[in-house]
C-alpha atoms as a PDB file:
ATOM      1  CA  UNK A   1      29.699  20.455 -31.954  1.00  0.00           C
ATOM      2  CA  UNK A   2      31.962  20.622 -28.905  1.00  0.00           C
ATOM      3  CA  UNK A   3      30.961  19.951 -25.326  1.00  0.00           C
ATOM      4  CA  UNK A   4      32.129  22.285 -22.609  1.00  0.00           C
ATOM      5  CA  UNK A   5      31.863  21.743 -18.892  1.00  0.00           C
ATOM      6  CA  UNK A   6      32.632  23.613 -15.733  1.00  0.00           C
ATOM      7  CA  UNK A   7      33.939  21.850 -12.670  1.00  0.00           C
ATOM      8  CA  UNK A   8      33.894  23.807  -9.452  1.00  0.00           C
ATOM      9  CA  UNK A   9      35.013  22.535  -6.084  1.00  0.00           C
ATOM     10  CA  UNK A  10      33.114  23.822  -3.079  1.00  0.00           C
ATOM     11  CA  UNK A  11      33.711  23.451   0.639  1.00  0.00           C
ATOM     12  CA  UNK A  12      30.554  22.086   2.245  1.00  0.00           C
ATOM     13  CA  UNK A  13      29.436  22.135   5.855  1.00  0.00           C
ATOM     14  CA  UNK A  14      27.251  19.455   7.448  1.00  0.00           C
ATOM     15  CA  UNK A  15      25.623  19.735  10.877  1.00  0.00           C
ATOM     16  CA  UNK A  16      22.457  18.771  12.757  1.00  0.00           C
ATOM     17  CA  UNK A  17      19.589  21.047  11.741  1.00  0.00           C
ATOM     18  CA  UNK A  18      18.689  23.168  14.757  1.00  0.00           C
ATOM     19  CA  UNK A  19      16.749  25.800  12.832  1.00  0.00           C
ATOM     20  CA  UNK A  20      13.266  26.653  14.185  1.00  0.00           C
ATOM     21  CA  UNK A  21      11.620  25.033  11.140  1.00  0.00           C
ATOM     22  CA  UNK A  22      13.680  21.810  11.307  1.00  0.00           C
ATOM     23  CA  UNK A  23      11.902  18.486  11.539  1.00  0.00           C
ATOM     24  CA  UNK A  24      11.868  17.171  15.110  1.00  0.00           C
ATOM     25  CA  UNK A  25      14.222  14.408  16.174  1.00  0.00           C
ATOM     26  CA  UNK A  26      12.260  11.194  16.622  1.00  0.00           C
ATOM     27  CA  UNK A  27      12.901   7.934  18.425  1.00  0.00           C
ATOM     28  CA  UNK A  28      11.794   4.324  18.114  1.00  0.00           C
ATOM     29  CA  UNK A  29      12.978   0.932  19.331  1.00  0.00           C
ATOM     30  CA  UNK A  30      13.081  -2.332  17.396  1.00  0.00           C
ATOM     31  CA  UNK A  31      13.224  -5.831  18.797  1.00  0.00           C
ATOM     32  CA  UNK A  32      16.248  -7.577  17.274  1.00  0.00           C
ATOM     33  CA  UNK A  33      14.586 -10.979  17.796  1.00  0.00           C
ATOM     34  CA  UNK A  34      11.240 -10.498  16.020  1.00  0.00           C
ATOM     35  CA  UNK A  35      11.918  -7.080  14.385  1.00  0.00           C
ATOM     36  CA  UNK A  36       8.703  -5.596  15.781  1.00  0.00           C
ATOM     37  CA  UNK A  37       9.111  -1.817  16.100  1.00  0.00           C
ATOM     38  CA  UNK A  38       7.658   0.625  18.585  1.00  0.00           C
ATOM     39  CA  UNK A  39       5.685   3.640  17.435  1.00  0.00           C
ATOM     40  CA  UNK A  40       7.853   6.641  16.521  1.00  0.00           C
ATOM     41  CA  UNK A  41       7.807   9.305  19.215  1.00  0.00           C
ATOM     42  CA  UNK A  42       9.378  12.716  19.805  1.00  0.00           C
ATOM     43  CA  UNK A  43      10.342  11.671  23.353  1.00  0.00           C
ATOM     44  CA  UNK A  44      12.840   8.830  23.811  1.00  0.00           C
ATOM     45  CA  UNK A  45      11.170   7.513  26.978  1.00  0.00           C
ATOM     46  CA  UNK A  46       8.000   6.298  25.205  1.00  0.00           C
ATOM     47  CA  UNK A  47       9.901   3.785  22.997  1.00  0.00           C
ATOM     48  CA  UNK A  48      11.848   2.639  26.065  1.00  0.00           C
ATOM     49  CA  UNK A  49       8.535   1.951  27.817  1.00  0.00           C
ATOM     50  CA  UNK A  50       7.516  -0.059  24.744  1.00  0.00           C
ATOM     51  CA  UNK A  51      10.647  -2.232  25.194  1.00  0.00           C
ATOM     52  CA  UNK A  52       9.660  -3.082  28.760  1.00  0.00           C
ATOM     53  CA  UNK A  53       6.114  -3.954  27.699  1.00  0.00           C
ATOM     54  CA  UNK A  54       7.327  -5.983  24.690  1.00  0.00           C
ATOM     55  CA  UNK A  55       9.833  -7.848  26.844  1.00  0.00           C
ATOM     56  CA  UNK A  56       7.088  -8.595  29.357  1.00  0.00           C
ATOM     57  CA  UNK A  57       4.965 -10.163  26.610  1.00  0.00           C
ATOM     58  CA  UNK A  58       7.983 -11.962  25.081  1.00  0.00           C
ATOM     59  CA  UNK A  59      10.327 -13.079  27.893  1.00  0.00           C
ATOM     60  CA  UNK A  60      12.981 -14.438  25.510  1.00  0.00           C
ATOM     61  CA  UNK A  61      13.379 -11.096  23.661  1.00  0.00           C
ATOM     62  CA  UNK A  62      16.393  -9.385  25.259  1.00  0.00           C
ATOM     63  CA  UNK A  63      18.017  -7.475  22.383  1.00  0.00           C
ATOM     64  CA  UNK A  64      16.795  -4.186  20.898  1.00  0.00           C
ATOM     65  CA  UNK A  65      17.904  -1.468  18.476  1.00  0.00           C
ATOM     66  CA  UNK A  66      17.375   2.231  19.015  1.00  0.00           C
ATOM     67  CA  UNK A  67      16.286   4.091  15.882  1.00  0.00           C
ATOM     68  CA  UNK A  68      16.955   7.826  15.971  1.00  0.00           C
ATOM     69  CA  UNK A  69      15.921  10.083  13.106  1.00  0.00           C
ATOM     70  CA  UNK A  70      17.712  13.421  13.394  1.00  0.00           C
ATOM     71  CA  UNK A  71      17.473  16.145  10.740  1.00  0.00           C
ATOM     72  CA  UNK A  72      20.735  17.395   9.250  1.00  0.00           C
ATOM     73  CA  UNK A  73      21.495  20.244   6.916  1.00  0.00           C
ATOM     74  CA  UNK A  74      24.284  20.823   4.413  1.00  0.00           C
ATOM     75  CA  UNK A  75      25.350  23.984   2.629  1.00  0.00           C
ATOM     76  CA  UNK A  76      28.351  25.265   0.747  1.00  0.00           C
ATOM     77  CA  UNK A  77      30.429  28.189   1.772  1.00  0.00           C
ATOM     78  CA  UNK A  78      30.687  30.780  -1.030  1.00  0.00           C
END
C-alpha cells in the first residue's frame, strides 16, 4: 500500500473581526503586585476605575497590566 499526500500552499489574511456577529472587545486590569484582576467589561473605563479603587485599598500597589481581548478572524484567499 502506498501513501499519497497533497500539499497546497495558501495565502491567508488575518485582521480584527469587525463583522456584526463578532464577539465584543473586552477589557480588564490586573494588579502586577498581588495579581488580583478586575471584572471583565466591554468599556475600558470600568477596569480603570477598579485600578483607582484597588490602589486606594492597597497603597503600595502601583503597577498594573491591561488585558484586552479582541476577536480576530483569518481566512484564505482562493
